[in-house]
């Protein structure tokens, strides 16, 4: 495709510069271009060219976002919701497949989140009931904020405490 005008050339170079640093979803790149004040038709034409030439690869963006968010301790549900907010369509089975290929175990992710929030200096043998309850509640709130179900978070925390 021949580049028609100066705005298109500038927008194209800007997009290539962004995409050379990291992957973007179509929606995110479109937002960046809109924020720069480019015309809707120019943006649509440019995005189609970037997709055709395989510079804009949304599947790579989705895969890297899933891996990153799961490693941060997010649940599948929260990851799916977050990606849907970015106009990226994904199914739970695809999230599971990405995690499996990357060797990410969700049980390990939850356990790592518990270890992150649990103060290792706390001696479980010498802790009063109220302090223990506050610590458990804090960890459970944290896990729920990451999108994990309360019941599975509580079970994981109990397993963690029984081994420490």
N, C-alpha and C. Protein backbone atom coordinates (compact mmCIF):
# COMPACT_ATOMS: atom_id res chain seq x y z
N UNK A 1 0.84 -1.18 0.00
CA UNK A 1 0.00 0.00 0.00
C UNK A 1 0.89 1.24 0.00
N UNK A 2 0.55 2.17 -0.84
CA UNK A 2 1.32 3.42 -0.92
C UNK A 2 0.88 4.36 0.17
N UNK A 3 1.82 4.95 0.82
CA UNK A 3 1.50 5.90 1.89
C UNK A 3 1.12 7.22 1.24
N UNK A 4 -0.13 7.69 1.51
CA UNK A 4 -0.70 8.82 0.79
C UNK A 4 -0.24 10.18 1.28
N UNK A 5 -0.20 10.39 2.57
CA UNK A 5 0.06 11.74 3.03
C UNK A 5 1.01 11.77 4.22
N UNK A 6 1.36 12.97 4.58
CA UNK A 6 2.33 13.18 5.65
C UNK A 6 1.84 12.66 7.01
N UNK A 7 0.56 12.90 7.34
CA UNK A 7 0.00 12.41 8.61
C UNK A 7 0.10 10.89 8.69
N UNK A 8 -0.20 10.24 7.57
CA UNK A 8 -0.14 8.79 7.54
C UNK A 8 1.29 8.31 7.79
N UNK A 9 2.26 8.96 7.14
CA UNK A 9 3.67 8.59 7.32
C UNK A 9 4.09 8.75 8.78
N UNK A 10 3.71 9.86 9.38
CA UNK A 10 4.09 10.13 10.77
C UNK A 10 3.43 9.11 11.70
N UNK A 11 2.14 8.84 11.47
CA UNK A 11 1.42 7.87 12.29
C UNK A 11 2.01 6.47 12.12
N UNK A 12 2.40 6.13 10.90
CA UNK A 12 2.98 4.83 10.61
C UNK A 12 4.32 4.68 11.36
N UNK A 13 5.17 5.68 11.26
CA UNK A 13 6.47 5.63 11.94
C UNK A 13 6.29 5.56 13.46
N UNK A 14 5.34 6.32 13.97
CA UNK A 14 5.05 6.29 15.41
C UNK A 14 4.60 4.90 15.83
N UNK A 15 3.72 4.30 15.05
CA UNK A 15 3.22 2.96 15.36
C UNK A 15 4.33 1.93 15.33
N UNK A 16 5.17 2.01 14.32
CA UNK A 16 6.29 1.06 14.19
C UNK A 16 7.24 1.23 15.38
N UNK A 17 7.49 2.47 15.78
CA UNK A 17 8.37 2.71 16.93
C UNK A 17 7.78 2.08 18.19
N UNK A 18 6.46 2.24 18.39
CA UNK A 18 5.81 1.64 19.55
C UNK A 18 5.90 0.11 19.49
N UNK A 19 5.58 -0.45 18.33
CA UNK A 19 5.55 -1.91 18.18
C UNK A 19 6.95 -2.53 18.22
N UNK A 20 7.97 -1.74 17.96
CA UNK A 20 9.33 -2.28 18.04
C UNK A 20 9.76 -2.48 19.49
N UNK A 21 9.10 -1.78 20.41
CA UNK A 21 9.44 -1.88 21.83
C UNK A 21 8.70 -3.02 22.52
N UNK A 22 7.43 -3.19 22.15
CA UNK A 22 6.62 -4.27 22.74
C UNK A 22 5.37 -4.47 21.91
N UNK A 23 4.67 -5.58 22.18
CA UNK A 23 3.42 -5.86 21.46
C UNK A 23 2.29 -5.04 22.04
N UNK A 24 1.36 -4.68 21.18
CA UNK A 24 0.15 -3.96 21.58
C UNK A 24 -1.05 -4.69 21.02
N UNK A 25 -2.18 -4.50 21.67
CA UNK A 25 -3.43 -4.97 21.09
C UNK A 25 -3.89 -3.91 20.10
N UNK A 26 -4.78 -4.29 19.22
CA UNK A 26 -5.33 -3.33 18.26
C UNK A 26 -5.96 -2.16 19.01
N UNK A 27 -6.72 -2.48 20.05
CA UNK A 27 -7.42 -1.46 20.85
C UNK A 27 -6.43 -0.48 21.48
N UNK A 28 -5.37 -0.99 22.09
CA UNK A 28 -4.39 -0.13 22.77
C UNK A 28 -3.66 0.77 21.77
N UNK A 29 -3.28 0.21 20.62
CA UNK A 29 -2.59 1.01 19.61
C UNK A 29 -3.55 2.06 19.03
N UNK A 30 -4.78 1.67 18.85
CA UNK A 30 -5.79 2.62 18.36
C UNK A 30 -5.96 3.77 19.35
N UNK A 31 -5.97 3.47 20.63
CA UNK A 31 -6.08 4.51 21.67
C UNK A 31 -4.89 5.47 21.59
N UNK A 32 -3.70 4.91 21.44
CA UNK A 32 -2.50 5.75 21.35
C UNK A 32 -2.59 6.70 20.16
N UNK A 33 -3.06 6.18 19.04
CA UNK A 33 -3.17 7.01 17.84
C UNK A 33 -4.27 8.07 17.99
N UNK A 34 -5.38 7.68 18.63
CA UNK A 34 -6.47 8.64 18.88
C UNK A 34 -5.99 9.75 19.81
N UNK A 35 -5.21 9.37 20.83
CA UNK A 35 -4.67 10.36 21.76
C UNK A 35 -3.76 11.37 21.05
N UNK A 36 -3.16 10.93 19.96
CA UNK A 36 -2.32 11.82 19.17
C UNK A 36 -3.14 12.69 18.22
N UNK A 37 -4.45 12.45 18.16
CA UNK A 37 -5.33 13.30 17.35
C UNK A 37 -5.49 12.88 15.91
N UNK A 38 -5.16 11.63 15.58
CA UNK A 38 -5.30 11.18 14.20
C UNK A 38 -6.76 10.89 13.86
N UNK A 39 -7.08 11.06 12.59
CA UNK A 39 -8.42 10.83 12.04
C UNK A 39 -8.78 9.35 12.11
N UNK A 40 -10.05 9.08 12.35
CA UNK A 40 -10.57 7.70 12.48
C UNK A 40 -10.26 6.86 11.23
N UNK A 41 -10.48 7.42 10.05
CA UNK A 41 -10.23 6.68 8.81
C UNK A 41 -8.75 6.36 8.64
N UNK A 42 -7.90 7.32 8.97
CA UNK A 42 -6.46 7.10 8.90
C UNK A 42 -6.05 5.98 9.85
N UNK A 43 -6.58 6.01 11.06
CA UNK A 43 -6.25 4.98 12.07
C UNK A 43 -6.69 3.61 11.58
N UNK A 44 -7.91 3.49 11.08
CA UNK A 44 -8.40 2.20 10.58
C UNK A 44 -7.54 1.66 9.45
N UNK A 45 -7.20 2.54 8.51
CA UNK A 45 -6.37 2.14 7.38
C UNK A 45 -4.98 1.69 7.85
N UNK A 46 -4.42 2.47 8.75
CA UNK A 46 -3.09 2.16 9.28
C UNK A 46 -3.09 0.83 10.04
N UNK A 47 -4.08 0.62 10.88
CA UNK A 47 -4.15 -0.63 11.66
C UNK A 47 -4.29 -1.84 10.74
N UNK A 48 -5.09 -1.70 9.70
CA UNK A 48 -5.24 -2.82 8.74
C UNK A 48 -3.92 -3.14 8.07
N UNK A 49 -3.17 -2.10 7.70
CA UNK A 49 -1.86 -2.33 7.07
C UNK A 49 -0.90 -2.99 8.06
N UNK A 50 -0.91 -2.54 9.30
CA UNK A 50 -0.01 -3.12 10.30
C UNK A 50 -0.35 -4.59 10.57
N UNK A 51 -1.63 -4.92 10.55
CA UNK A 51 -2.05 -6.31 10.74
C UNK A 51 -1.65 -7.15 9.53
N UNK A 52 -1.90 -6.65 8.32
CA UNK A 52 -1.55 -7.37 7.10
C UNK A 52 -0.06 -7.65 7.02
N UNK A 53 0.75 -6.66 7.40
CA UNK A 53 2.20 -6.82 7.33
C UNK A 53 2.76 -7.53 8.57
N UNK A 54 1.87 -7.95 9.46
CA UNK A 54 2.20 -8.73 10.67
C UNK A 54 3.09 -7.97 11.67
N UNK A 55 2.99 -6.65 11.64
CA UNK A 55 3.66 -5.86 12.67
C UNK A 55 2.80 -5.82 13.93
N UNK A 56 1.51 -5.78 13.74
CA UNK A 56 0.56 -5.77 14.86
C UNK A 56 0.04 -7.20 15.02
N UNK A 57 0.52 -7.88 16.06
CA UNK A 57 0.17 -9.28 16.30
C UNK A 57 -0.52 -9.38 17.66
N UNK A 58 -1.81 -9.27 17.62
CA UNK A 58 -2.59 -9.25 18.86
C UNK A 58 -2.45 -10.55 19.64
N UNK A 59 -2.28 -11.67 18.95
CA UNK A 59 -2.15 -12.95 19.66
C UNK A 59 -0.89 -12.96 20.53
N UNK A 60 0.19 -12.33 20.07
CA UNK A 60 1.40 -12.23 20.89
C UNK A 60 1.17 -11.35 22.11
N UNK A 61 0.43 -10.26 21.90
CA UNK A 61 0.11 -9.36 23.00
C UNK A 61 -0.71 -10.10 24.06
N UNK A 62 -1.73 -10.82 23.61
CA UNK A 62 -2.59 -11.55 24.54
C UNK A 62 -1.78 -12.58 25.32
N UNK A 63 -0.94 -13.32 24.62
CA UNK A 63 -0.13 -14.34 25.29
C UNK A 63 0.79 -13.73 26.35
N UNK A 64 1.46 -12.64 26.00
CA UNK A 64 2.37 -12.03 26.97
C UNK A 64 1.61 -11.41 28.15
N UNK A 65 0.42 -10.85 27.90
CA UNK A 65 -0.38 -10.28 28.99
C UNK A 65 -0.86 -11.39 29.93
N UNK A 66 -1.32 -12.51 29.36
CA UNK A 66 -1.78 -13.62 30.19
C UNK A 66 -0.64 -14.10 31.09
N UNK A 67 0.52 -14.35 30.51
CA UNK A 67 1.66 -14.83 31.29
C UNK A 67 2.03 -13.84 32.39
N UNK A 68 2.10 -12.58 32.04
CA UNK A 68 2.48 -11.56 33.01
C UNK A 68 1.50 -11.42 34.14
N UNK A 69 0.21 -11.41 33.82
CA UNK A 69 -0.82 -11.23 34.85
C UNK A 69 -0.95 -12.46 35.75
N UNK A 70 -0.83 -13.65 35.16
CA UNK A 70 -0.88 -14.88 35.97
C UNK A 70 0.33 -14.92 36.91
N UNK A 71 1.49 -14.55 36.41
CA UNK A 71 2.69 -14.53 37.26
C UNK A 71 2.57 -13.51 38.39
N UNK A 72 1.77 -12.47 38.16
CA UNK A 72 1.51 -11.48 39.21
C UNK A 72 0.50 -12.00 40.24
N UNK A 73 -0.05 -13.19 39.97
CA UNK A 73 -0.96 -13.79 40.94
C UNK A 73 -2.42 -13.61 40.61
N UNK A 74 -2.74 -13.11 39.43
CA UNK A 74 -4.14 -12.90 39.07
C UNK A 74 -4.81 -14.23 38.74
N UNK A 75 -6.10 -14.31 38.99
CA UNK A 75 -6.87 -15.51 38.65
C UNK A 75 -7.21 -15.49 37.16
N UNK A 76 -7.60 -16.63 36.62
CA UNK A 76 -8.02 -16.72 35.22
C UNK A 76 -9.18 -15.77 34.96
N UNK A 77 -10.13 -15.71 35.89
CA UNK A 77 -11.31 -14.86 35.72
C UNK A 77 -10.92 -13.39 35.61
N UNK A 78 -10.01 -12.97 36.48
CA UNK A 78 -9.59 -11.57 36.47
C UNK A 78 -8.79 -11.26 35.20
N UNK A 79 -7.96 -12.18 34.75
CA UNK A 79 -7.20 -12.00 33.52
C UNK A 79 -8.16 -11.87 32.33
N UNK A 80 -9.13 -12.77 32.27
CA UNK A 80 -10.11 -12.74 31.17
C UNK A 80 -10.88 -11.42 31.18
N UNK A 81 -11.33 -10.99 32.33
CA UNK A 81 -12.06 -9.73 32.45
C UNK A 81 -11.18 -8.55 32.01
N UNK A 82 -9.94 -8.53 32.47
CA UNK A 82 -9.02 -7.45 32.13
C UNK A 82 -8.79 -7.38 30.62
N UNK A 83 -8.57 -8.52 30.00
CA UNK A 83 -8.35 -8.55 28.55
C UNK A 83 -9.60 -8.15 27.79
N UNK A 84 -10.76 -8.53 28.29
CA UNK A 84 -12.01 -8.11 27.65
C UNK A 84 -12.17 -6.60 27.72
N UNK A 85 -11.70 -5.98 28.80
CA UNK A 85 -11.75 -4.52 28.91
C UNK A 85 -10.85 -3.87 27.86
N UNK A 86 -9.81 -4.59 27.44
CA UNK A 86 -8.91 -4.12 26.40
C UNK A 86 -9.36 -4.59 25.02
N UNK A 87 -10.58 -5.09 24.93
CA UNK A 87 -11.19 -5.55 23.67
C UNK A 87 -10.44 -6.74 23.06
N UNK A 88 -9.85 -7.58 23.91
CA UNK A 88 -9.16 -8.79 23.47
C UNK A 88 -10.01 -9.99 23.89
N UNK A 89 -10.40 -10.77 22.94
CA UNK A 89 -11.24 -11.93 23.22
C UNK A 89 -10.37 -13.15 23.55
N UNK A 90 -10.69 -13.80 24.67
CA UNK A 90 -9.95 -15.00 25.08
C UNK A 90 -10.87 -15.89 25.91
N UNK A 91 -10.66 -17.19 25.79
CA UNK A 91 -11.44 -18.16 26.54
C UNK A 91 -10.57 -18.72 27.68
N UNK A 92 -11.22 -19.28 28.70
CA UNK A 92 -10.49 -19.88 29.82
C UNK A 92 -9.57 -20.99 29.33
N UNK A 93 -10.03 -21.77 28.36
CA UNK A 93 -9.21 -22.87 27.84
C UNK A 93 -7.92 -22.33 27.20
N UNK A 94 -8.00 -21.16 26.56
CA UNK A 94 -6.80 -20.56 25.96
C UNK A 94 -5.84 -20.09 27.06
N UNK A 95 -6.38 -19.55 28.13
CA UNK A 95 -5.54 -19.12 29.25
C UNK A 95 -4.83 -20.33 29.85
N UNK A 96 -5.58 -21.41 30.05
CA UNK A 96 -4.99 -22.65 30.58
C UNK A 96 -3.89 -23.16 29.67
N UNK A 97 -4.12 -23.13 28.36
CA UNK A 97 -3.13 -23.61 27.40
C UNK A 97 -1.86 -22.76 27.43
N UNK A 98 -2.02 -21.44 27.50
CA UNK A 98 -0.86 -20.54 27.58
C UNK A 98 -0.05 -20.83 28.84
N UNK A 99 -0.75 -21.02 29.96
CA UNK A 99 -0.06 -21.32 31.23
C UNK A 99 0.66 -22.67 31.15
N UNK A 100 -0.01 -23.63 30.56
CA UNK A 100 0.58 -24.97 30.43
C UNK A 100 1.85 -24.92 29.59
N UNK A 101 1.79 -24.22 28.46
CA UNK A 101 2.96 -24.10 27.58
C UNK A 101 4.11 -23.36 28.26
N UNK A 102 3.76 -22.38 29.11
CA UNK A 102 4.78 -21.59 29.80
C UNK A 102 5.26 -22.27 31.08
N UNK A 103 4.63 -23.38 31.45
CA UNK A 103 5.02 -24.10 32.66
C UNK A 103 4.58 -23.40 33.94
N UNK A 104 3.51 -22.64 33.84
CA UNK A 104 2.99 -21.91 35.00
C UNK A 104 1.93 -22.77 35.68
N UNK A 105 2.16 -23.12 36.94
CA UNK A 105 1.20 -23.89 37.73
C UNK A 105 0.40 -22.93 38.60
N UNK A 106 -0.92 -22.93 38.44
CA UNK A 106 -1.74 -21.97 39.18
C UNK A 106 -1.66 -22.19 40.69
N UNK A 107 -1.52 -23.44 41.11
CA UNK A 107 -1.38 -23.70 42.55
C UNK A 107 -0.12 -23.05 43.10
N UNK A 108 0.95 -23.14 42.32
CA UNK A 108 2.21 -22.52 42.73
C UNK A 108 2.09 -21.01 42.77
N UNK A 109 1.33 -20.45 41.83
CA UNK A 109 1.14 -19.00 41.79
C UNK A 109 0.44 -18.53 43.06
N UNK A 110 -0.61 -19.24 43.47
CA UNK A 110 -1.33 -18.87 44.69
C UNK A 110 -0.42 -19.03 45.91
N UNK A 111 0.32 -20.13 45.94
CA UNK A 111 1.23 -20.35 47.07
C UNK A 111 2.29 -19.25 47.14
N UNK A 112 2.80 -18.85 45.99
CA UNK A 112 3.79 -17.76 45.97
C UNK A 112 3.19 -16.45 46.47
N UNK A 113 1.93 -16.22 46.14
CA UNK A 113 1.26 -15.01 46.61
C UNK A 113 1.07 -15.05 48.13
N UNK A 114 0.77 -16.24 48.65
CA UNK A 114 0.62 -16.39 50.10
C UNK A 114 1.97 -16.14 50.77
N UNK A 115 3.03 -16.75 50.24
CA UNK A 115 4.37 -16.55 50.82
C UNK A 115 4.78 -15.09 50.76
N UNK A 116 4.39 -14.43 49.69
CA UNK A 116 4.73 -13.01 49.53
C UNK A 116 4.09 -12.16 50.64
N UNK A 117 2.85 -12.49 50.99
CA UNK A 117 2.13 -11.69 51.98
C UNK A 117 2.34 -12.17 53.41
N UNK A 118 2.75 -13.42 53.58
CA UNK A 118 2.92 -13.96 54.92
C UNK A 118 4.30 -13.58 55.43
N UNK A 119 4.35 -12.96 56.56
CA UNK A 119 5.62 -12.54 57.15
C UNK A 119 6.34 -13.78 57.67
N UNK A 120 7.51 -14.08 57.10
CA UNK A 120 8.24 -15.30 57.47
C UNK A 120 8.78 -15.25 58.90
N UNK A 121 8.84 -14.06 59.48
CA UNK A 121 9.35 -13.96 60.85
C UNK A 121 8.29 -14.34 61.89
N UNK A 122 7.05 -14.54 61.44
CA UNK A 122 5.98 -14.90 62.37
C UNK A 122 6.12 -16.37 62.76
N UNK A 123 6.25 -16.61 64.05
CA UNK A 123 6.37 -17.97 64.57
C UNK A 123 4.96 -18.47 64.89
N UNK A 124 4.51 -19.46 64.13
CA UNK A 124 3.14 -19.95 64.30
C UNK A 124 2.92 -20.61 65.65
N UNK A 125 3.98 -21.05 66.29
CA UNK A 125 3.85 -21.69 67.60
C UNK A 125 3.67 -20.66 68.72
N UNK A 126 4.13 -19.45 68.49
CA UNK A 126 4.07 -18.42 69.53
C UNK A 126 3.27 -17.20 69.06
N UNK A 127 2.10 -17.45 68.51
CA UNK A 127 1.26 -16.35 68.03
C UNK A 127 -0.12 -16.47 68.67
N UNK A 128 -0.66 -15.35 69.09
CA UNK A 128 -1.99 -15.42 69.71
C UNK A 128 -3.07 -15.49 68.62
N UNK A 129 -4.24 -15.92 69.03
CA UNK A 129 -5.35 -16.16 68.11
C UNK A 129 -5.71 -14.91 67.30
N UNK A 130 -5.81 -13.77 67.96
CA UNK A 130 -6.21 -12.52 67.28
C UNK A 130 -5.20 -12.12 66.20
N UNK A 131 -3.92 -12.21 66.51
CA UNK A 131 -2.88 -11.85 65.54
C UNK A 131 -2.91 -12.80 64.35
N UNK A 132 -3.07 -14.09 64.64
CA UNK A 132 -3.15 -15.09 63.57
C UNK A 132 -4.36 -14.82 62.69
N UNK A 133 -5.49 -14.53 63.30
CA UNK A 133 -6.71 -14.24 62.54
C UNK A 133 -6.52 -13.02 61.65
N UNK A 134 -5.91 -11.97 62.18
CA UNK A 134 -5.66 -10.75 61.38
C UNK A 134 -4.75 -11.05 60.20
N UNK A 135 -3.71 -11.84 60.43
CA UNK A 135 -2.78 -12.21 59.35
C UNK A 135 -3.49 -13.01 58.27
N UNK A 136 -4.30 -13.99 58.69
CA UNK A 136 -5.04 -14.81 57.73
C UNK A 136 -6.00 -13.94 56.91
N UNK A 137 -6.72 -13.06 57.60
CA UNK A 137 -7.68 -12.19 56.92
C UNK A 137 -6.98 -11.29 55.90
N UNK A 138 -5.82 -10.79 56.27
CA UNK A 138 -5.06 -9.92 55.37
C UNK A 138 -4.65 -10.68 54.11
N UNK A 139 -4.15 -11.88 54.29
CA UNK A 139 -3.73 -12.70 53.15
C UNK A 139 -4.93 -13.08 52.29
N UNK A 140 -6.04 -13.44 52.92
CA UNK A 140 -7.24 -13.80 52.16
C UNK A 140 -7.77 -12.61 51.36
N UNK A 141 -7.79 -11.43 51.97
CA UNK A 141 -8.23 -10.23 51.24
C UNK A 141 -7.33 -9.98 50.03
N UNK A 142 -6.05 -10.18 50.22
CA UNK A 142 -5.10 -9.99 49.12
C UNK A 142 -5.39 -10.97 47.98
N UNK A 143 -5.59 -12.24 48.31
CA UNK A 143 -5.86 -13.25 47.27
C UNK A 143 -7.17 -12.96 46.55
N UNK A 144 -8.18 -12.55 47.29
CA UNK A 144 -9.47 -12.23 46.67
C UNK A 144 -9.32 -10.99 45.78
N UNK A 145 -8.48 -10.04 46.17
CA UNK A 145 -8.25 -8.86 45.33
C UNK A 145 -7.58 -9.23 44.00
N UNK A 146 -6.89 -10.35 43.98
CA UNK A 146 -6.26 -10.85 42.75
C UNK A 146 -7.25 -11.68 41.92
N UNK A 147 -8.49 -11.81 42.41
CA UNK A 147 -9.52 -12.50 41.66
C UNK A 147 -9.75 -13.95 42.02
N UNK A 148 -9.05 -14.44 43.03
CA UNK A 148 -9.20 -15.84 43.42
C UNK A 148 -10.46 -16.02 44.27
N UNK A 149 -11.07 -17.17 44.15
CA UNK A 149 -12.26 -17.49 44.93
C UNK A 149 -11.89 -17.58 46.41
N UNK A 150 -12.78 -17.11 47.25
CA UNK A 150 -12.51 -17.12 48.69
C UNK A 150 -12.27 -18.54 49.19
N UNK A 151 -13.11 -19.49 48.77
CA UNK A 151 -12.99 -20.85 49.29
C UNK A 151 -11.66 -21.50 48.89
N UNK A 152 -11.26 -21.34 47.64
CA UNK A 152 -9.98 -21.94 47.21
C UNK A 152 -8.79 -21.21 47.84
N UNK A 153 -8.93 -19.91 48.06
CA UNK A 153 -7.87 -19.14 48.72
C UNK A 153 -7.70 -19.60 50.16
N UNK A 154 -8.84 -19.80 50.83
CA UNK A 154 -8.80 -20.24 52.23
C UNK A 154 -8.17 -21.62 52.34
N UNK A 155 -8.54 -22.52 51.42
CA UNK A 155 -7.98 -23.87 51.43
C UNK A 155 -6.47 -23.83 51.17
N UNK A 156 -6.03 -22.99 50.23
CA UNK A 156 -4.61 -22.87 49.94
C UNK A 156 -3.85 -22.30 51.14
N UNK A 157 -4.46 -21.34 51.81
CA UNK A 157 -3.82 -20.75 53.00
C UNK A 157 -3.71 -21.78 54.11
N UNK A 158 -4.74 -22.58 54.31
CA UNK A 158 -4.70 -23.63 55.34
C UNK A 158 -3.62 -24.66 55.03
N UNK A 159 -3.49 -25.02 53.74
CA UNK A 159 -2.41 -25.96 53.34
C UNK A 159 -1.04 -25.33 53.63
N UNK A 160 -0.91 -24.06 53.31
CA UNK A 160 0.35 -23.35 53.53
C UNK A 160 0.69 -23.35 55.03
N UNK A 161 -0.29 -23.01 55.85
CA UNK A 161 -0.05 -22.93 57.30
C UNK A 161 0.25 -24.29 57.90
N UNK A 162 -0.35 -25.35 57.36
CA UNK A 162 -0.11 -26.69 57.91
C UNK A 162 1.29 -27.19 57.59
N UNK A 163 1.92 -26.63 56.56
CA UNK A 163 3.28 -27.07 56.19
C UNK A 163 4.36 -26.14 56.75
N UNK A 164 3.95 -25.04 57.39
CA UNK A 164 4.95 -24.09 57.90
C UNK A 164 4.88 -23.95 59.40
